[in-house]
Amino acid sequence: MNNNKLTLAVGLFVMAGIVALAWLSIKLARFELLGGDHYTLQAHFSSIAGLKNGSGVEIAGVEVGRVQQIVLDPQEYTANVTMSIRRDVGIQEDAMASIRTKGLIGDRYIKITPGGSLNLLQSGQRLVQTEPAINIEELISQFIHGSVNK
């Protein structure tokens, strides 16, 4: 009888651990089970060096979305980035998207600088003004080899 209570207690403890581990995994991966309340925007960049699916999208340092997909546009040879933005955040049609780095060698993210227009972009529309990633290695190489404009 006492052995059955111990087995039941261990079983419940293991089940609680598995549920906690599953919840933690979902939260750390920033995975949404029910899709969430988001809309998508597009942006074309000449270079996205280091940007990945799942990278953050920020306005004024506050995360408002995530990079959903990155594909190459075969006609323009640009990177087409699809972003998932929270529905409660409106993005003006003249806003600018730029790729930034957190810290000196940190992860890349997209920074959106709001515009002054009263017209907001709708789901599936494209941010026209973009600024590509700055390639630090290329800048250092130019500096070392003396090809930086003075």
Protein backbone atom coordinates (compact mmCIF):
# COMPACT_ATOMS: atom_id res chain seq x y z
CA MET A 1 0.00 0.00 0.00
CA ASN A 2 2.75 2.41 0.98
CA ASN A 3 4.65 1.45 -2.20
CA ASN A 4 1.62 2.41 -4.36
CA LYS A 5 1.47 5.89 -2.78
CA LEU A 6 5.17 6.41 -3.47
CA THR A 7 4.77 5.26 -7.09
CA LEU A 8 1.80 7.60 -7.56
CA ALA A 9 3.70 10.55 -6.04
CA VAL A 10 6.74 9.94 -8.27
CA GLY A 11 4.47 9.60 -11.32
CA LEU A 12 2.71 12.90 -10.58
CA PHE A 13 6.05 14.61 -9.99
CA VAL A 14 7.41 13.34 -13.34
CA MET A 15 4.22 14.45 -15.16
CA ALA A 16 4.44 17.93 -13.61
CA GLY A 17 8.09 18.10 -14.71
CA ILE A 18 7.21 17.13 -18.28
CA VAL A 19 4.43 19.75 -18.45
CA ALA A 20 6.77 22.43 -17.05
CA LEU A 21 9.50 21.48 -19.54
CA ALA A 22 7.04 21.63 -22.47
CA TRP A 23 5.78 25.05 -21.36
CA LEU A 24 9.34 26.35 -20.96
CA SER A 25 10.34 25.05 -24.39
CA ILE A 26 7.39 26.80 -26.04
CA LYS A 27 8.13 30.07 -24.23
CA LEU A 28 11.86 30.02 -25.01
CA ALA A 29 11.21 29.26 -28.69
CA ARG A 30 8.60 32.05 -28.73
CA PHE A 31 6.25 29.65 -30.44
CA GLU A 32 2.57 30.49 -30.43
CA LEU A 33 0.15 27.60 -30.23
CA LEU A 34 -2.92 29.48 -31.43
CA GLY A 35 -1.30 31.84 -33.96
CA GLY A 36 -1.68 35.06 -32.00
CA ASP A 37 -3.10 38.36 -33.20
CA HIS A 38 -0.56 39.47 -35.82
CA TYR A 39 -0.42 40.76 -39.38
CA THR A 40 2.38 40.47 -41.94
CA LEU A 41 4.47 43.11 -43.68
CA GLN A 42 7.11 42.75 -46.39
CA ALA A 43 10.43 44.56 -46.82
CA HIS A 44 13.14 44.14 -49.47
CA PHE A 45 16.79 44.59 -48.41
CA SER A 46 19.93 44.59 -50.56
CA SER A 47 21.73 42.75 -47.73
CA ILE A 48 20.43 41.05 -44.59
CA ALA A 49 23.81 39.71 -43.40
CA GLY A 50 23.14 37.74 -40.22
CA LEU A 51 19.37 38.24 -39.99
CA LYS A 52 17.48 34.98 -39.33
CA ASN A 53 13.94 33.68 -39.12
CA GLY A 54 12.68 34.48 -35.64
CA SER A 55 14.78 37.63 -35.25
CA GLY A 56 13.03 40.48 -33.49
CA VAL A 57 11.32 43.53 -34.98
CA GLU A 58 11.52 46.61 -32.74
CA ILE A 59 10.16 50.13 -32.57
CA ALA A 60 11.85 52.45 -30.05
CA GLY A 61 13.57 49.43 -28.48
CA VAL A 62 10.28 47.60 -27.85
CA GLU A 63 9.76 44.27 -29.59
CA VAL A 64 6.60 44.45 -31.72
CA GLY A 65 7.07 41.42 -33.94
CA ARG A 66 9.33 38.77 -35.45
CA VAL A 67 10.90 37.90 -38.77
CA GLN A 68 8.70 35.17 -40.19
CA GLN A 69 10.39 34.30 -43.49
CA ILE A 70 13.39 35.32 -45.61
CA VAL A 71 13.53 34.50 -49.32
CA LEU A 72 15.57 35.71 -52.30
CA ASP A 73 13.68 37.72 -54.92
CA PRO A 74 15.05 36.23 -58.18
CA GLN A 75 14.11 39.27 -60.30
CA GLU A 76 15.66 42.00 -58.13
CA TYR A 77 18.28 39.86 -56.32
CA THR A 78 17.19 41.28 -53.00
CA ALA A 79 16.21 39.58 -49.77
CA ASN A 80 12.44 39.65 -49.24
CA VAL A 81 11.73 39.62 -45.52
CA THR A 82 8.27 38.82 -44.18
CA MET A 83 7.62 40.18 -40.69
CA SER A 84 4.83 39.27 -38.29
CA ILE A 85 3.72 42.42 -36.43
CA ARG A 86 1.37 42.64 -33.43
CA ARG A 87 -2.07 43.79 -34.57
CA ASP A 88 -2.20 46.59 -31.95
CA VAL A 89 0.87 48.25 -33.54
CA GLY A 90 0.23 50.34 -36.65
CA ILE A 91 3.09 50.97 -39.09
CA GLN A 92 2.92 54.08 -41.28
CA GLU A 93 3.40 53.71 -45.04
CA ASP A 94 6.48 55.99 -44.94
CA ALA A 95 8.16 54.15 -42.04
CA MET A 96 11.72 52.89 -42.56
CA ALA A 97 13.01 49.40 -41.76
CA SER A 98 16.71 48.97 -41.05
CA ILE A 99 18.77 46.00 -39.94
CA ARG A 100 20.69 46.61 -36.72
CA THR A 101 22.93 44.65 -34.37
CA LYS A 102 22.44 44.28 -30.62
CA GLY A 103 25.80 45.16 -29.10
CA LEU A 104 29.10 44.82 -30.94
CA ILE A 105 28.74 41.22 -32.07
CA GLY A 106 25.14 40.53 -31.07
CA ASP A 107 22.15 39.21 -32.95
CA ARG A 108 20.62 41.10 -35.85
CA TYR A 109 17.13 42.56 -35.65
CA ILE A 110 14.92 44.88 -37.68
CA LYS A 111 14.43 48.40 -36.35
CA ILE A 112 11.38 50.22 -37.66
CA THR A 113 11.55 54.01 -37.56
CA PRO A 114 8.00 55.41 -37.65
CA GLY A 115 7.04 57.84 -40.38
CA GLY A 116 4.80 60.88 -40.36
CA SER A 117 2.04 59.61 -42.63
CA LEU A 118 -1.49 59.11 -41.37
CA ASN A 119 -1.94 56.09 -43.67
CA LEU A 120 -1.10 52.74 -42.09
CA LEU A 121 0.14 49.68 -43.95
CA GLN A 122 -2.27 46.77 -44.23
CA SER A 123 -1.42 43.08 -43.91
CA GLY A 124 0.72 41.86 -46.81
CA GLN A 125 1.86 45.33 -47.88
CA ARG A 126 5.50 46.34 -48.30
CA LEU A 127 7.70 48.79 -46.41
CA VAL A 128 9.36 50.73 -49.23
CA GLN A 129 12.12 52.49 -47.30
CA THR A 130 14.77 50.05 -46.11
CA GLU A 131 18.37 50.26 -44.96
CA PRO A 132 20.58 47.15 -45.32
CA ALA A 133 22.78 45.61 -42.65
CA ILE A 134 26.16 47.21 -42.04
CA ASN A 135 28.91 44.68 -42.66
CA ILE A 136 31.46 45.29 -39.89
CA GLU A 137 34.02 42.90 -41.41
CA GLU A 138 33.93 44.80 -44.69
CA LEU A 139 34.39 48.15 -42.93
CA ILE A 140 37.35 46.84 -40.92
CA SER A 141 38.91 45.39 -44.08
CA GLN A 142 38.55 48.73 -45.87
CA PHE A 143 40.09 50.54 -42.91
CA ILE A 144 43.03 48.14 -42.67
CA HIS A 145 43.75 48.25 -46.38
CA GLY A 146 43.40 52.04 -46.54
CA SER A 147 40.44 52.25 -48.91
CA VAL A 148 38.16 54.23 -46.58
CA ASN A 149 37.25 57.66 -47.94
CA LYS A 150 38.85 60.41 -45.89
